[in-house]
Amino acid sequence: MSCQMNIRKTVAFSKNSSNLFFHILTQCNLRCRHCYINPEQHGKNTLPLSTVSAWLAGFSDKSSRTNIIFLGGEPTLHPDLSEAIKLARHLGFASVTVDTNGYLFHDILSKVTPEEVDYFSFSLDGPTPQTNDRIRGRGCYEKCVSGIREAVSKGFGTSLIYTVSSENIHALPQIH
């Protein structure tokens, strides 16, 4: 009897890895203290699906070796994120990841499947509401943890993004 495991992939940092970090919009529902997205510098654009599709197609010649990561702002605010995910999977990207703050807008977990998204990577900047919410805003810890639980319950792969700063480095040993 043979057992074949489906090993999910996500962003990789190695000599032969290829990652496409695709900012599909700058809009976000939060104002995190460490965020580098600045509307004055980066604009307030949400790329239309036609532009997203054109860019995905433009990178598709290397898609079998390339991990695509959808980000923003908050990518789940994009009304066409599910279609972009489906297109990336259809084009054969090695993996599809969505970086999110956990609010999971547009009912995204019901519009895509675990076969289409390798990982939802959740931004959580502390092991407690006190640490995380000081950086991301009141209530963000509970909302993110709730989003993680919902994603896991639906069979999605999940990972954490922890941005280390002077405000949370003390809590780093508590993150496993």
C-alpha atoms as a PDB file:
ATOM      1  CA  MET A   1       0.000   0.000   0.000  1.00  0.00           C
ATOM      2  CA  SER A   2       1.464   3.347  -0.987  1.00  0.00           C
ATOM      3  CA  CYS A   3       0.629   6.614   0.669  1.00  0.00           C
ATOM      4  CA  GLN A   4       1.117   9.802  -1.306  1.00  0.00           C
ATOM      5  CA  MET A   5       1.175  13.069   0.639  1.00  0.00           C
ATOM      6  CA  ASN A   6       0.193  16.334  -0.956  1.00  0.00           C
ATOM      7  CA  ILE A   7       2.895  18.706   0.227  1.00  0.00           C
ATOM      8  CA  ARG A   8       1.876  22.329  -0.092  1.00  0.00           C
ATOM      9  CA  LYS A   9       4.381  24.929  -1.179  1.00  0.00           C
ATOM     10  CA  THR A  10       4.647  28.625  -0.524  1.00  0.00           C
ATOM     11  CA  VAL A  11       7.241  31.334  -0.817  1.00  0.00           C
ATOM     12  CA  ALA A  12      10.810  30.044  -0.783  1.00  0.00           C
ATOM     13  CA  PHE A  13      14.069  31.880  -0.388  1.00  0.00           C
ATOM     14  CA  SER A  14      16.841  29.845  -1.936  1.00  0.00           C
ATOM     15  CA  LYS A  15      19.262  30.107  -4.819  1.00  0.00           C
ATOM     16  CA  ASN A  16      16.909  28.459  -7.314  1.00  0.00           C
ATOM     17  CA  SER A  17      13.578  29.714  -6.031  1.00  0.00           C
ATOM     18  CA  SER A  18      11.351  32.142  -7.863  1.00  0.00           C
ATOM     19  CA  ASN A  19       8.698  34.203  -6.086  1.00  0.00           C
ATOM     20  CA  LEU A  20       6.295  36.721  -7.548  1.00  0.00           C
ATOM     21  CA  PHE A  21       4.993  39.137  -4.900  1.00  0.00           C
ATOM     22  CA  PHE A  22       1.951  40.682  -6.567  1.00  0.00           C
ATOM     23  CA  HIS A  23       0.447  43.781  -4.941  1.00  0.00           C
ATOM     24  CA  ILE A  24      -3.034  43.802  -6.457  1.00  0.00           C
ATOM     25  CA  LEU A  25      -4.283  46.830  -4.513  1.00  0.00           C
ATOM     26  CA  THR A  26      -3.107  49.307  -1.884  1.00  0.00           C
ATOM     27  CA  GLN A  27      -6.359  49.540   0.081  1.00  0.00           C
ATOM     28  CA  CYS A  28      -6.406  48.116   3.603  1.00  0.00           C
ATOM     29  CA  ASN A  29      -8.852  48.153   6.481  1.00  0.00           C
ATOM     30  CA  LEU A  30      -6.052  48.508   9.058  1.00  0.00           C
ATOM     31  CA  ARG A  31      -3.352  51.076   9.808  1.00  0.00           C
ATOM     32  CA  CYS A  32      -0.531  48.921  11.163  1.00  0.00           C
ATOM     33  CA  ARG A  33       2.314  50.867  12.701  1.00  0.00           C
ATOM     34  CA  HIS A  34       4.988  49.132  10.616  1.00  0.00           C
ATOM     35  CA  CYS A  35       3.217  49.067   7.230  1.00  0.00           C
ATOM     36  CA  TYR A  36       5.219  50.282   4.261  1.00  0.00           C
ATOM     37  CA  ILE A  37       2.195  50.909   2.006  1.00  0.00           C
ATOM     38  CA  ASN A  38       1.778  54.658   1.824  1.00  0.00           C
ATOM     39  CA  PRO A  39      -1.163  55.995  -0.246  1.00  0.00           C
ATOM     40  CA  GLU A  40       0.714  59.205  -1.095  1.00  0.00           C
ATOM     41  CA  GLN A  41       3.674  57.225  -2.451  1.00  0.00           C
ATOM     42  CA  HIS A  42       1.971  54.025  -3.700  1.00  0.00           C
ATOM     43  CA  GLY A  43      -1.386  55.427  -4.810  1.00  0.00           C
ATOM     44  CA  LYS A  44      -4.865  54.161  -4.079  1.00  0.00           C
ATOM     45  CA  ASN A  45      -5.237  51.786  -7.000  1.00  0.00           C
ATOM     46  CA  THR A  46      -7.054  48.492  -7.174  1.00  0.00           C
ATOM     47  CA  LEU A  47      -5.862  46.688 -10.283  1.00  0.00           C
ATOM     48  CA  PRO A  48      -8.740  45.609 -12.502  1.00  0.00           C
ATOM     49  CA  LEU A  49      -8.988  41.888 -13.220  1.00  0.00           C
ATOM     50  CA  SER A  50      -7.933  42.509 -16.830  1.00  0.00           C
ATOM     51  CA  THR A  51      -4.624  44.018 -15.632  1.00  0.00           C
ATOM     52  CA  VAL A  52      -4.095  41.258 -13.061  1.00  0.00           C
ATOM     53  CA  SER A  53      -4.751  38.666 -15.771  1.00  0.00           C
ATOM     54  CA  ALA A  54      -2.331  40.332 -18.183  1.00  0.00           C
ATOM     55  CA  TRP A  55       0.441  40.388 -15.580  1.00  0.00           C
ATOM     56  CA  LEU A  56      -0.168  36.772 -14.588  1.00  0.00           C
ATOM     57  CA  ALA A  57      -0.040  35.766 -18.244  1.00  0.00           C
ATOM     58  CA  GLY A  58       3.153  37.792 -18.670  1.00  0.00           C
ATOM     59  CA  PHE A  59       4.871  35.717 -15.994  1.00  0.00           C
ATOM     60  CA  SER A  60       3.289  32.408 -16.982  1.00  0.00           C
ATOM     61  CA  ASP A  61       6.271  31.201 -19.029  1.00  0.00           C
ATOM     62  CA  LYS A  62       8.072  30.576 -15.718  1.00  0.00           C
ATOM     63  CA  SER A  63       4.954  29.687 -13.726  1.00  0.00           C
ATOM     64  CA  SER A  64       5.838  26.047 -13.079  1.00  0.00           C
ATOM     65  CA  ARG A  65       8.854  27.259 -11.059  1.00  0.00           C
ATOM     66  CA  THR A  66       7.318  30.397  -9.577  1.00  0.00           C
ATOM     67  CA  ASN A  67       5.458  30.804  -6.305  1.00  0.00           C
ATOM     68  CA  ILE A  68       2.883  33.594  -6.500  1.00  0.00           C
ATOM     69  CA  ILE A  69       1.948  35.569  -3.426  1.00  0.00           C
ATOM     70  CA  PHE A  70      -1.046  37.910  -3.604  1.00  0.00           C
ATOM     71  CA  LEU A  71      -0.718  40.905  -1.315  1.00  0.00           C
ATOM     72  CA  GLY A  72      -1.869  44.456  -0.904  1.00  0.00           C
ATOM     73  CA  GLY A  73      -2.893  46.401   1.178  1.00  0.00           C
ATOM     74  CA  GLU A  74      -5.313  43.680   2.166  1.00  0.00           C
ATOM     75  CA  PRO A  75      -5.749  41.416  -0.901  1.00  0.00           C
ATOM     76  CA  THR A  76      -9.080  39.978   0.251  1.00  0.00           C
ATOM     77  CA  LEU A  77     -10.553  43.463  -0.236  1.00  0.00           C
ATOM     78  CA  HIS A  78     -10.033  42.986  -3.988  1.00  0.00           C
ATOM     79  CA  PRO A  79     -13.424  42.047  -5.460  1.00  0.00           C
ATOM     80  CA  ASP A  80     -11.839  39.738  -8.056  1.00  0.00           C
ATOM     81  CA  LEU A  81      -9.261  37.959  -5.884  1.00  0.00           C
ATOM     82  CA  SER A  82     -10.961  34.576  -6.292  1.00  0.00           C
ATOM     83  CA  GLU A  83     -10.804  34.865 -10.084  1.00  0.00           C
ATOM     84  CA  ALA A  84      -7.135  35.893  -9.930  1.00  0.00           C
ATOM     85  CA  ILE A  85      -6.378  32.859  -7.744  1.00  0.00           C
ATOM     86  CA  LYS A  86      -8.173  30.528 -10.156  1.00  0.00           C
ATOM     87  CA  LEU A  87      -6.277  32.001 -13.101  1.00  0.00           C
ATOM     88  CA  ALA A  88      -2.910  31.654 -11.336  1.00  0.00           C
ATOM     89  CA  ARG A  89      -3.686  28.005 -10.604  1.00  0.00           C
ATOM     90  CA  HIS A  90      -4.848  27.460 -14.219  1.00  0.00           C
ATOM     91  CA  LEU A  91      -1.620  29.021 -15.513  1.00  0.00           C
ATOM     92  CA  GLY A  92       0.358  26.482 -13.491  1.00  0.00           C
ATOM     93  CA  PHE A  93       2.107  28.590 -10.869  1.00  0.00           C
ATOM     94  CA  ALA A  94       4.077  26.332  -8.520  1.00  0.00           C
ATOM     95  CA  SER A  95       2.122  27.605  -5.525  1.00  0.00           C
ATOM     96  CA  VAL A  96      -0.504  30.196  -4.705  1.00  0.00           C
ATOM     97  CA  THR A  97      -0.404  32.082  -1.401  1.00  0.00           C
ATOM     98  CA  VAL A  98      -2.575  34.921  -0.116  1.00  0.00           C
ATOM     99  CA  ASP A  99      -1.127  37.164   2.585  1.00  0.00           C
ATOM    100  CA  THR A 100      -3.943  38.484   4.776  1.00  0.00           C
ATOM    101  CA  ASN A 101      -4.630  40.307   8.017  1.00  0.00           C
ATOM    102  CA  GLY A 102      -7.331  37.733   8.749  1.00  0.00           C
ATOM    103  CA  TYR A 103     -10.479  39.712   8.057  1.00  0.00           C
ATOM    104  CA  LEU A 104     -11.089  37.598   4.911  1.00  0.00           C
ATOM    105  CA  PHE A 105     -13.345  39.963   2.979  1.00  0.00           C
ATOM    106  CA  HIS A 106     -15.694  39.054   0.123  1.00  0.00           C
ATOM    107  CA  ASP A 107     -16.313  35.614   1.651  1.00  0.00           C
ATOM    108  CA  ILE A 108     -13.059  34.488   0.033  1.00  0.00           C
ATOM    109  CA  LEU A 109     -12.930  31.112   1.811  1.00  0.00           C
ATOM    110  CA  SER A 110     -16.191  30.135   0.121  1.00  0.00           C
ATOM    111  CA  LYS A 111     -15.082  31.281  -3.334  1.00  0.00           C
ATOM    112  CA  VAL A 112     -11.860  29.269  -3.566  1.00  0.00           C
ATOM    113  CA  THR A 113     -10.839  25.775  -2.550  1.00  0.00           C
ATOM    114  CA  PRO A 114      -7.830  24.343  -0.720  1.00  0.00           C
ATOM    115  CA  GLU A 115      -6.764  22.873  -4.079  1.00  0.00           C
ATOM    116  CA  GLU A 116      -6.565  26.398  -5.533  1.00  0.00           C
ATOM    117  CA  VAL A 117      -4.774  28.118  -2.632  1.00  0.00           C
ATOM    118  CA  ASP A 118      -1.755  26.473  -1.059  1.00  0.00           C
ATOM    119  CA  TYR A 119      -1.628  28.878   1.880  1.00  0.00           C
ATOM    120  CA  PHE A 120      -3.414  31.748   3.479  1.00  0.00           C
ATOM    121  CA  SER A 121      -0.606  33.482   5.375  1.00  0.00           C
ATOM    122  CA  PHE A 122      -2.000  35.415   8.327  1.00  0.00           C
ATOM    123  CA  SER A 123      -0.286  38.500   9.737  1.00  0.00           C
ATOM    124  CA  LEU A 124      -0.195  38.174  13.504  1.00  0.00           C
ATOM    125  CA  ASP A 125       2.337  40.305  15.336  1.00  0.00           C
ATOM    126  CA  GLY A 126       2.057  38.898  18.823  1.00  0.00           C
ATOM    127  CA  PRO A 127       0.894  35.872  20.788  1.00  0.00           C
ATOM    128  CA  THR A 128      -1.629  37.958  22.761  1.00  0.00           C
ATOM    129  CA  PRO A 129      -4.161  40.667  21.977  1.00  0.00           C
ATOM    130  CA  GLN A 130      -2.126  43.114  24.070  1.00  0.00           C
ATOM    131  CA  THR A 131       0.988  42.748  21.905  1.00  0.00           C
ATOM    132  CA  ASN A 132      -0.674  42.306  18.510  1.00  0.00           C
ATOM    133  CA  ASP A 133      -3.368  44.956  18.870  1.00  0.00           C
ATOM    134  CA  ARG A 134      -0.885  47.615  20.019  1.00  0.00           C
ATOM    135  CA  ILE A 135       0.683  47.249  16.544  1.00  0.00           C
ATOM    136  CA  ARG A 136      -2.330  46.421  14.337  1.00  0.00           C
ATOM    137  CA  GLY A 137      -5.312  47.944  16.129  1.00  0.00           C
ATOM    138  CA  ARG A 138      -7.919  46.969  18.709  1.00  0.00           C
ATOM    139  CA  GLY A 139      -9.674  43.678  17.991  1.00  0.00           C
ATOM    140  CA  CYS A 140      -7.268  42.565  15.260  1.00  0.00           C
ATOM    141  CA  TYR A 141      -5.869  39.645  17.252  1.00  0.00           C
ATOM    142  CA  GLU A 142      -9.272  38.035  17.783  1.00  0.00           C
ATOM    143  CA  LYS A 143     -10.326  38.670  14.182  1.00  0.00           C
ATOM    144  CA  CYS A 144      -7.104  37.131  12.827  1.00  0.00           C
ATOM    145  CA  VAL A 145      -7.291  34.075  15.091  1.00  0.00           C
ATOM    146  CA  SER A 146     -10.930  33.616  14.065  1.00  0.00           C
ATOM    147  CA  GLY A 147      -9.896  33.789  10.397  1.00  0.00           C
ATOM    148  CA  ILE A 148      -7.173  31.196  10.967  1.00  0.00           C
ATOM    149  CA  ARG A 149      -9.656  28.859  12.640  1.00  0.00           C
ATOM    150  CA  GLU A 150     -12.153  29.268   9.806  1.00  0.00           C
ATOM    151  CA  ALA A 151      -9.488  28.601   7.154  1.00  0.00           C
ATOM    152  CA  VAL A 152      -8.245  25.500   8.967  1.00  0.00           C
ATOM    153  CA  SER A 153     -11.810  24.207   9.436  1.00  0.00           C
ATOM    154  CA  LYS A 154     -12.298  24.447   5.661  1.00  0.00           C
ATOM    155  CA  GLY A 155      -9.091  22.536   4.929  1.00  0.00           C
ATOM    156  CA  PHE A 156      -6.855  25.418   3.838  1.00  0.00           C
ATOM    157  CA  GLY A 157      -3.144  25.485   4.554  1.00  0.00           C
ATOM    158  CA  THR A 158      -2.236  28.342   6.875  1.00  0.00           C
ATOM    159  CA  SER A 159       0.948  30.033   7.973  1.00  0.00           C
ATOM    160  CA  LEU A 160       1.869  33.059  10.065  1.00  0.00           C
ATOM    161  CA  ILE A 161       3.650  36.254   9.162  1.00  0.00           C
ATOM    162  CA  TYR A 162       5.260  37.823  12.225  1.00  0.00           C
ATOM    163  CA  THR A 163       6.893  41.189  11.666  1.00  0.00           C
ATOM    164  CA  VAL A 164       9.465  41.558  14.411  1.00  0.00           C
ATOM    165  CA  SER A 165       9.923  45.034  15.869  1.00  0.00           C
ATOM    166  CA  SER A 166      10.938  46.639  19.136  1.00  0.00           C
ATOM    167  CA  GLU A 167       7.251  46.461  20.122  1.00  0.00           C
ATOM    168  CA  ASN A 168       6.999  42.657  19.939  1.00  0.00           C
ATOM    169  CA  ILE A 169      10.480  41.125  20.038  1.00  0.00           C
ATOM    170  CA  HIS A 170       9.935  40.326  23.713  1.00  0.00           C
ATOM    171  CA  ALA A 171       7.130  37.947  22.697  1.00  0.00           C
ATOM    172  CA  LEU A 172       9.086  36.112  19.998  1.00  0.00           C
ATOM    173  CA  PRO A 173       9.904  33.065  22.200  1.00  0.00           C
ATOM    174  CA  GLN A 174       6.151  32.509  22.681  1.00  0.00           C
ATOM    175  CA  ILE A 175       5.573  32.062  18.928  1.00  0.00           C
ATOM    176  CA  HIS A 176       5.976  28.412  17.912  1.00  0.00           C
END
